[in-house]
Amino acid sequence: MSGLRTDFINDYDGLADQWWDPRGPLAPLGWIARARAEYIPPAAREQARLLDVGCGGGLFGPHLAGKGYRVVGVDLSAKSLEEALRHGFDDVVRADIAELPFPDESFDVVTAGQCLEHVPDPYGVVAELCRVLRPGGTLVVDTIADTRLARLVSITLAENLPLPGRPARGTHDHRLFVNRERLTRTARSHGVELKLQGLRPSFRDGIGYLARRREEVRMVPVTSTGVLFLGAGTKW
């Protein structure tokens, strides 16, 4: 596809000081990180390791406290990785998520939150996630579906309505949104059967957030996976 952006890293370097702003453009990523953490089981062995791919400023870190993992983050944004180290990550590595610099089967849990929709080959990234996951380990990913509804919600509305937590215009390119069938097929071919679950913001929390009565919005599970969805599975 011609004209695809390849410089998303510049966005996140420029926003590195806003990762933890509860009303800033990255705030919804924190809400999703909390929901993702519910799919992470407690560590089943000593020295278990969790890899968070596209970790950004470490929004996932606080939600992993007490689960028993050594948490490793990977991202291209060096400034964001500095934030991750300050928020619960034990190690960080600056690397392209399409070519993870880790041996096969080296992590007990691998996660990728809200990054697959920013890369030209998300299915290649999923293959990498599966490669570095141990047999019996857990894979959790969340991303945006390649549907017209997702384009309306995630770009037309989310990037243009003057609301707190609004992502900057141009944050998303709908041509990079992820095909659910191809995603699950790719994971299955690499040993992981993903079960998909839709997510949406709590309406009640959203109203409270807009009214400045609360600083976080819970993500609730829904049947439809046509906009934002999460996939979780175990490697056989």
C-alpha atoms as a PDB file:
ATOM      1  CA  MET A   1       0.000   0.000   0.000  1.00  0.00           C
ATOM      2  CA  SER A   2       1.562   3.269  -1.090  1.00  0.00           C
ATOM      3  CA  GLY A   3       1.574   6.302   1.150  1.00  0.00           C
ATOM      4  CA  LEU A   4       1.600   4.386   4.410  1.00  0.00           C
ATOM      5  CA  ARG A   5       3.163   6.228   7.308  1.00  0.00           C
ATOM      6  CA  THR A   6       6.375   4.745   8.637  1.00  0.00           C
ATOM      7  CA  ASP A   7       7.231   7.489  11.150  1.00  0.00           C
ATOM      8  CA  PHE A   8       4.811   6.825  14.009  1.00  0.00           C
ATOM      9  CA  ILE A   9       7.845   6.703  16.279  1.00  0.00           C
ATOM     10  CA  ASN A  10       8.127  10.483  15.934  1.00  0.00           C
ATOM     11  CA  ASP A  11       4.665  10.874  17.441  1.00  0.00           C
ATOM     12  CA  TYR A  12       5.508   8.892  20.554  1.00  0.00           C
ATOM     13  CA  ASP A  13       8.908  10.493  21.069  1.00  0.00           C
ATOM     14  CA  GLY A  14       7.137  13.849  20.998  1.00  0.00           C
ATOM     15  CA  LEU A  15       4.463  12.674  23.424  1.00  0.00           C
ATOM     16  CA  ALA A  16       6.797  10.909  25.852  1.00  0.00           C
ATOM     17  CA  ASP A  17       6.085  13.388  28.634  1.00  0.00           C
ATOM     18  CA  GLN A  18       2.323  12.781  28.319  1.00  0.00           C
ATOM     19  CA  TRP A  19       2.137   9.024  28.868  1.00  0.00           C
ATOM     20  CA  TRP A  20       0.844   9.496  32.405  1.00  0.00           C
ATOM     21  CA  ASP A  21      -1.445  12.477  31.860  1.00  0.00           C
ATOM     22  CA  PRO A  22      -4.924  11.140  32.755  1.00  0.00           C
ATOM     23  CA  ARG A  23      -6.584  13.601  30.393  1.00  0.00           C
ATOM     24  CA  GLY A  24      -3.962  13.639  27.661  1.00  0.00           C
ATOM     25  CA  PRO A  25      -3.944  12.017  24.212  1.00  0.00           C
ATOM     26  CA  LEU A  26      -2.515   8.730  25.515  1.00  0.00           C
ATOM     27  CA  ALA A  27      -4.941   8.295  28.411  1.00  0.00           C
ATOM     28  CA  PRO A  28      -7.147   5.668  26.697  1.00  0.00           C
ATOM     29  CA  LEU A  29      -4.086   3.423  26.292  1.00  0.00           C
ATOM     30  CA  GLY A  30      -3.915   3.251  30.077  1.00  0.00           C
ATOM     31  CA  TRP A  31      -7.551   2.203  30.300  1.00  0.00           C
ATOM     32  CA  ILE A  32      -6.916  -0.598  27.829  1.00  0.00           C
ATOM     33  CA  ALA A  33      -3.749  -1.653  29.680  1.00  0.00           C
ATOM     34  CA  ARG A  34      -5.798  -2.227  32.832  1.00  0.00           C
ATOM     35  CA  ALA A  35      -8.245  -4.424  30.900  1.00  0.00           C
ATOM     36  CA  ARG A  36      -5.381  -6.360  29.303  1.00  0.00           C
ATOM     37  CA  ALA A  37      -3.890  -7.162  32.694  1.00  0.00           C
ATOM     38  CA  GLU A  38      -6.970  -9.180  33.623  1.00  0.00           C
ATOM     39  CA  TYR A  39      -5.861 -11.788  31.074  1.00  0.00           C
ATOM     40  CA  ILE A  40      -2.407 -12.242  32.605  1.00  0.00           C
ATOM     41  CA  PRO A  41      -2.197 -15.247  34.943  1.00  0.00           C
ATOM     42  CA  PRO A  42       0.046 -15.236  38.022  1.00  0.00           C
ATOM     43  CA  ALA A  43       3.547 -16.528  37.264  1.00  0.00           C
ATOM     44  CA  ALA A  44       3.676 -20.312  37.443  1.00  0.00           C
ATOM     45  CA  ARG A  45       7.395 -20.556  38.148  1.00  0.00           C
ATOM     46  CA  GLU A  46      10.245 -18.615  39.665  1.00  0.00           C
ATOM     47  CA  GLN A  47      12.078 -16.224  37.354  1.00  0.00           C
ATOM     48  CA  ALA A  48       9.134 -16.122  34.957  1.00  0.00           C
ATOM     49  CA  ARG A  49       9.444 -13.363  32.361  1.00  0.00           C
ATOM     50  CA  LEU A  50       6.838 -11.230  30.626  1.00  0.00           C
ATOM     51  CA  LEU A  51       7.553  -9.341  27.421  1.00  0.00           C
ATOM     52  CA  ASP A  52       5.454  -6.278  26.596  1.00  0.00           C
ATOM     53  CA  VAL A  53       5.911  -5.452  22.919  1.00  0.00           C
ATOM     54  CA  GLY A  54       5.342  -1.829  21.926  1.00  0.00           C
ATOM     55  CA  CYS A  55       5.398  -0.973  25.630  1.00  0.00           C
ATOM     56  CA  GLY A  56       5.552   2.788  25.166  1.00  0.00           C
ATOM     57  CA  GLY A  57       5.809   4.641  28.450  1.00  0.00           C
ATOM     58  CA  GLY A  58       5.061   1.571  30.534  1.00  0.00           C
ATOM     59  CA  LEU A  59       1.331   1.986  31.133  1.00  0.00           C
ATOM     60  CA  PHE A  60       1.059  -1.784  31.599  1.00  0.00           C
ATOM     61  CA  GLY A  61       3.667  -1.900  34.375  1.00  0.00           C
ATOM     62  CA  PRO A  62       1.601  -0.927  37.437  1.00  0.00           C
ATOM     63  CA  HIS A  63      -1.074  -3.491  36.569  1.00  0.00           C
ATOM     64  CA  LEU A  64       1.469  -6.330  36.663  1.00  0.00           C
ATOM     65  CA  ALA A  65       2.560  -5.668  40.242  1.00  0.00           C
ATOM     66  CA  GLY A  66       2.317  -8.806  42.361  1.00  0.00           C
ATOM     67  CA  LYS A  67       1.911 -11.221  39.437  1.00  0.00           C
ATOM     68  CA  GLY A  68       5.463 -12.516  39.839  1.00  0.00           C
ATOM     69  CA  TYR A  69       7.088 -11.653  36.511  1.00  0.00           C
ATOM     70  CA  ARG A  70      10.285  -9.936  35.527  1.00  0.00           C
ATOM     71  CA  VAL A  71       8.822  -7.416  33.091  1.00  0.00           C
ATOM     72  CA  VAL A  72      10.698  -6.574  29.892  1.00  0.00           C
ATOM     73  CA  GLY A  73       9.556  -3.876  27.476  1.00  0.00           C
ATOM     74  CA  VAL A  74      10.372  -3.372  23.793  1.00  0.00           C
ATOM     75  CA  ASP A  75       9.761  -0.178  21.859  1.00  0.00           C
ATOM     76  CA  LEU A  76      11.445   2.046  19.271  1.00  0.00           C
ATOM     77  CA  SER A  77      10.860   5.235  21.241  1.00  0.00           C
ATOM     78  CA  ALA A  78      13.872   5.710  23.513  1.00  0.00           C
ATOM     79  CA  LYS A  79      12.170   8.515  25.432  1.00  0.00           C
ATOM     80  CA  SER A  80       9.150   6.324  26.097  1.00  0.00           C
ATOM     81  CA  LEU A  81      11.357   3.488  27.328  1.00  0.00           C
ATOM     82  CA  GLU A  82      12.826   5.828  29.926  1.00  0.00           C
ATOM     83  CA  GLU A  83       9.300   6.315  31.245  1.00  0.00           C
ATOM     84  CA  ALA A  84       8.678   2.553  31.279  1.00  0.00           C
ATOM     85  CA  LEU A  85      11.696   2.028  33.522  1.00  0.00           C
ATOM     86  CA  ARG A  86      10.186   4.481  35.974  1.00  0.00           C
ATOM     87  CA  HIS A  87       6.856   2.677  36.059  1.00  0.00           C
ATOM     88  CA  GLY A  88       7.355  -0.974  36.919  1.00  0.00           C
ATOM     89  CA  PHE A  89       9.469  -2.353  34.076  1.00  0.00           C
ATOM     90  CA  ASP A  90      12.608  -4.249  35.063  1.00  0.00           C
ATOM     91  CA  ASP A  91      14.339  -4.084  31.678  1.00  0.00           C
ATOM     92  CA  VAL A  92      13.740  -2.313  28.379  1.00  0.00           C
ATOM     93  CA  VAL A  93      15.139  -2.878  24.893  1.00  0.00           C
ATOM     94  CA  ARG A  94      15.006  -0.462  21.995  1.00  0.00           C
ATOM     95  CA  ALA A  95      14.198  -2.585  18.963  1.00  0.00           C
ATOM     96  CA  ASP A  96      11.896  -3.054  15.996  1.00  0.00           C
ATOM     97  CA  ILE A  97       8.974  -5.219  17.134  1.00  0.00           C
ATOM     98  CA  ALA A  98       9.002  -6.952  13.747  1.00  0.00           C
ATOM     99  CA  GLU A  99      12.427  -8.419  14.587  1.00  0.00           C
ATOM    100  CA  LEU A 100      12.514  -9.165  18.301  1.00  0.00           C
ATOM    101  CA  PRO A 101      16.089  -9.577  19.611  1.00  0.00           C
ATOM    102  CA  PHE A 102      15.292 -12.563  21.826  1.00  0.00           C
ATOM    103  CA  PRO A 103      15.792 -16.333  21.518  1.00  0.00           C
ATOM    104  CA  ASP A 104      12.945 -18.684  20.706  1.00  0.00           C
ATOM    105  CA  GLU A 105      10.667 -19.648  23.603  1.00  0.00           C
ATOM    106  CA  SER A 106      12.256 -17.218  26.060  1.00  0.00           C
ATOM    107  CA  PHE A 107       9.166 -15.641  27.708  1.00  0.00           C
ATOM    108  CA  ASP A 108       6.312 -17.029  29.786  1.00  0.00           C
ATOM    109  CA  VAL A 109       3.909 -14.280  28.714  1.00  0.00           C
ATOM    110  CA  VAL A 110       4.021 -12.036  25.658  1.00  0.00           C
ATOM    111  CA  THR A 111       1.733  -9.044  25.220  1.00  0.00           C
ATOM    112  CA  ALA A 112       1.233  -6.484  22.472  1.00  0.00           C
ATOM    113  CA  GLY A 113      -1.212  -3.689  23.238  1.00  0.00           C
ATOM    114  CA  GLN A 114      -2.338  -1.085  20.709  1.00  0.00           C
ATOM    115  CA  CYS A 115       0.691  -1.418  18.460  1.00  0.00           C
ATOM    116  CA  LEU A 116      -0.292  -3.912  15.757  1.00  0.00           C
ATOM    117  CA  GLU A 117      -2.399  -1.212  14.055  1.00  0.00           C
ATOM    118  CA  HIS A 118       0.716   0.927  13.589  1.00  0.00           C
ATOM    119  CA  VAL A 119       2.928  -1.491  11.647  1.00  0.00           C
ATOM    120  CA  PRO A 120       2.812  -2.478   7.962  1.00  0.00           C
ATOM    121  CA  ASP A 121       2.887  -6.216   8.715  1.00  0.00           C
ATOM    122  CA  PRO A 122       1.046  -6.954  11.971  1.00  0.00           C
ATOM    123  CA  TYR A 123       0.851 -10.643  11.094  1.00  0.00           C
ATOM    124  CA  GLY A 124       4.623 -10.879  10.878  1.00  0.00           C
ATOM    125  CA  VAL A 125       4.792  -9.277  14.310  1.00  0.00           C
ATOM    126  CA  VAL A 126       2.340 -11.851  15.656  1.00  0.00           C
ATOM    127  CA  ALA A 127       4.553 -14.615  14.298  1.00  0.00           C
ATOM    128  CA  GLU A 128       7.449 -13.054  16.238  1.00  0.00           C
ATOM    129  CA  LEU A 129       5.354 -12.880  19.408  1.00  0.00           C
ATOM    130  CA  CYS A 130       4.588 -16.570  19.111  1.00  0.00           C
ATOM    131  CA  ARG A 131       8.228 -17.415  18.381  1.00  0.00           C
ATOM    132  CA  VAL A 132       9.540 -15.950  21.626  1.00  0.00           C
ATOM    133  CA  LEU A 133       6.708 -17.446  23.729  1.00  0.00           C
ATOM    134  CA  ARG A 134       7.343 -20.647  25.674  1.00  0.00           C
ATOM    135  CA  PRO A 135       5.036 -23.660  25.201  1.00  0.00           C
ATOM    136  CA  GLY A 136       2.307 -23.316  27.800  1.00  0.00           C
ATOM    137  CA  GLY A 137       2.819 -19.542  27.832  1.00  0.00           C
ATOM    138  CA  THR A 138       0.151 -16.885  27.393  1.00  0.00           C
ATOM    139  CA  LEU A 139      -0.176 -14.510  24.432  1.00  0.00           C
ATOM    140  CA  VAL A 140      -2.367 -11.399  24.776  1.00  0.00           C
ATOM    141  CA  VAL A 141      -2.835  -8.805  22.037  1.00  0.00           C
ATOM    142  CA  ASP A 142      -5.291  -5.969  21.569  1.00  0.00           C
ATOM    143  CA  THR A 143      -5.782  -3.824  18.509  1.00  0.00           C
ATOM    144  CA  ILE A 144      -8.315  -2.282  16.111  1.00  0.00           C
ATOM    145  CA  ALA A 145     -10.353  -4.237  13.566  1.00  0.00           C
ATOM    146  CA  ASP A 146     -10.257  -3.457   9.849  1.00  0.00           C
ATOM    147  CA  THR A 147     -13.911  -2.443   9.631  1.00  0.00           C
ATOM    148  CA  ARG A 148     -15.761   0.669   8.493  1.00  0.00           C
ATOM    149  CA  LEU A 149     -17.192   1.015  11.990  1.00  0.00           C
ATOM    150  CA  ALA A 150     -13.692   0.991  13.503  1.00  0.00           C
ATOM    151  CA  ARG A 151     -12.614   3.668  11.047  1.00  0.00           C
ATOM    152  CA  LEU A 152     -15.608   5.813  12.045  1.00  0.00           C
ATOM    153  CA  VAL A 153     -15.071   5.364  15.781  1.00  0.00           C
ATOM    154  CA  SER A 154     -11.258   5.398  15.957  1.00  0.00           C
ATOM    155  CA  ILE A 155     -10.506   8.100  13.396  1.00  0.00           C
ATOM    156  CA  THR A 156     -13.522  10.152  12.302  1.00  0.00           C
ATOM    157  CA  LEU A 157     -14.884  10.546  15.830  1.00  0.00           C
ATOM    158  CA  ALA A 158     -12.007   9.869  18.239  1.00  0.00           C
ATOM    159  CA  GLU A 159      -9.443  12.023  16.440  1.00  0.00           C
ATOM    160  CA  ASN A 160     -11.748  14.957  15.719  1.00  0.00           C
ATOM    161  CA  LEU A 161     -14.170  15.479  18.600  1.00  0.00           C
ATOM    162  CA  PRO A 162     -12.771  18.072  21.045  1.00  0.00           C
ATOM    163  CA  LEU A 163     -12.807  15.801  24.096  1.00  0.00           C
ATOM    164  CA  PRO A 164     -10.218  14.954  26.769  1.00  0.00           C
ATOM    165  CA  GLY A 165      -8.195  11.849  25.949  1.00  0.00           C
ATOM    166  CA  ARG A 166      -8.481  12.540  22.219  1.00  0.00           C
ATOM    167  CA  PRO A 167      -5.607  11.069  20.167  1.00  0.00           C
ATOM    168  CA  ALA A 168      -3.836  13.502  17.882  1.00  0.00           C
ATOM    169  CA  ARG A 169      -5.090  13.718  14.318  1.00  0.00           C
ATOM    170  CA  GLY A 170      -3.175  11.300  12.131  1.00  0.00           C
ATOM    171  CA  THR A 171      -2.492   8.861  14.964  1.00  0.00           C
ATOM    172  CA  HIS A 172      -4.183   6.064  13.040  1.00  0.00           C
ATOM    173  CA  ASP A 173      -4.130   4.933   9.427  1.00  0.00           C
ATOM    174  CA  HIS A 174      -7.178   2.759   8.707  1.00  0.00           C
ATOM    175  CA  ARG A 175      -5.225   0.793   6.104  1.00  0.00           C
ATOM    176  CA  LEU A 176      -3.167  -0.674   8.938  1.00  0.00           C
ATOM    177  CA  PHE A 177      -6.152  -1.862  10.945  1.00  0.00           C
ATOM    178  CA  VAL A 178      -6.032  -5.595  11.628  1.00  0.00           C
ATOM    179  CA  ASN A 179      -8.014  -8.366   9.958  1.00  0.00           C
ATOM    180  CA  ARG A 180      -9.326 -10.615  12.722  1.00  0.00           C
ATOM    181  CA  GLU A 181      -9.493 -13.792  10.676  1.00  0.00           C
ATOM    182  CA  ARG A 182      -5.945 -13.407   9.401  1.00  0.00           C
ATOM    183  CA  LEU A 183      -4.722 -12.554  12.897  1.00  0.00           C
ATOM    184  CA  THR A 184      -6.180 -15.705  14.445  1.00  0.00           C
ATOM    185  CA  ARG A 185      -5.040 -17.816  11.502  1.00  0.00           C
ATOM    186  CA  THR A 186      -1.482 -16.521  11.849  1.00  0.00           C
ATOM    187  CA  ALA A 187      -1.383 -17.170  15.587  1.00  0.00           C
ATOM    188  CA  ARG A 188      -2.808 -20.665  15.089  1.00  0.00           C
ATOM    189  CA  SER A 189      -0.155 -21.500  12.509  1.00  0.00           C
ATOM    190  CA  HIS A 190       2.449 -20.618  15.156  1.00  0.00           C
ATOM    191  CA  GLY A 191       0.915 -22.644  17.954  1.00  0.00           C
ATOM    192  CA  VAL A 192      -1.521 -20.249  19.639  1.00  0.00           C
ATOM    193  CA  GLU A 193      -5.310 -20.446  19.420  1.00  0.00           C
ATOM    194  CA  LEU A 194      -6.520 -16.910  20.121  1.00  0.00           C
ATOM    195  CA  LYS A 195      -9.961 -16.289  21.577  1.00  0.00           C
ATOM    196  CA  LEU A 196     -11.206 -12.827  20.651  1.00  0.00           C
ATOM    197  CA  GLN A 197     -13.150 -10.489  22.912  1.00  0.00           C
ATOM    198  CA  GLY A 198     -14.476  -7.038  22.082  1.00  0.00           C
ATOM    199  CA  LEU A 199     -13.865  -4.079  24.398  1.00  0.00           C
ATOM    200  CA  ARG A 200     -15.534  -0.716  24.789  1.00  0.00           C
ATOM    201  CA  PRO A 201     -15.415   2.109  27.342  1.00  0.00           C
ATOM    202  CA  SER A 202     -17.946   2.008  30.175  1.00  0.00           C
ATOM    203  CA  PHE A 203     -20.653   4.511  29.311  1.00  0.00           C
ATOM    204  CA  ARG A 204     -21.124   5.514  32.937  1.00  0.00           C
ATOM    205  CA  ASP A 205     -17.399   5.996  33.454  1.00  0.00           C
ATOM    206  CA  GLY A 206     -17.162   7.918  30.216  1.00  0.00           C
ATOM    207  CA  ILE A 207     -19.790  10.393  31.351  1.00  0.00           C
ATOM    208  CA  GLY A 208     -18.004  10.793  34.671  1.00  0.00           C
ATOM    209  CA  TYR A 209     -14.702  11.322  32.865  1.00  0.00           C
ATOM    210  CA  LEU A 210     -16.139  14.017  30.611  1.00  0.00           C
ATOM    211  CA  ALA A 211     -17.705  15.700  33.633  1.00  0.00           C
ATOM    212  CA  ARG A 212     -14.315  15.582  35.417  1.00  0.00           C
ATOM    213  CA  ARG A 213     -15.727  13.425  38.209  1.00  0.00           C
ATOM    214  CA  ARG A 214     -13.277  10.605  37.504  1.00  0.00           C
ATOM    215  CA  GLU A 215      -9.836  10.262  35.917  1.00  0.00           C
ATOM    216  CA  GLU A 216     -10.091   6.778  34.387  1.00  0.00           C
ATOM    217  CA  VAL A 217     -12.598   4.881  32.283  1.00  0.00           C
ATOM    218  CA  ARG A 218     -13.043   1.140  32.667  1.00  0.00           C
ATOM    219  CA  MET A 219     -13.083  -0.968  29.511  1.00  0.00           C
ATOM    220  CA  VAL A 220     -15.881  -3.528  29.519  1.00  0.00           C
ATOM    221  CA  PRO A 221     -16.107  -6.755  27.484  1.00  0.00           C
ATOM    222  CA  VAL A 222     -18.605  -6.907  24.628  1.00  0.00           C
ATOM    223  CA  THR A 223     -19.550  -9.557  22.101  1.00  0.00           C
ATOM    224  CA  SER A 224     -18.724  -7.490  19.031  1.00  0.00           C
ATOM    225  CA  THR A 225     -15.074  -7.429  17.967  1.00  0.00           C
ATOM    226  CA  GLY A 226     -15.714  -4.967  15.151  1.00  0.00           C
ATOM    227  CA  VAL A 227     -13.883  -1.987  16.666  1.00  0.00           C
ATOM    228  CA  LEU A 228     -11.499  -2.582  19.554  1.00  0.00           C
ATOM    229  CA  PHE A 229     -10.754  -6.186  20.386  1.00  0.00           C
ATOM    230  CA  LEU A 230      -8.445  -8.330  22.502  1.00  0.00           C
ATOM    231  CA  GLY A 231      -7.144 -11.806  21.737  1.00  0.00           C
ATOM    232  CA  ALA A 232      -5.752 -14.217  24.313  1.00  0.00           C
ATOM    233  CA  GLY A 233      -4.469 -17.771  24.039  1.00  0.00           C
ATOM    234  CA  THR A 234      -1.992 -20.376  25.247  1.00  0.00           C
ATOM    235  CA  LYS A 235       0.833 -21.796  23.166  1.00  0.00           C
ATOM    236  CA  TRP A 236       0.648 -25.554  22.821  1.00  0.00           C
END
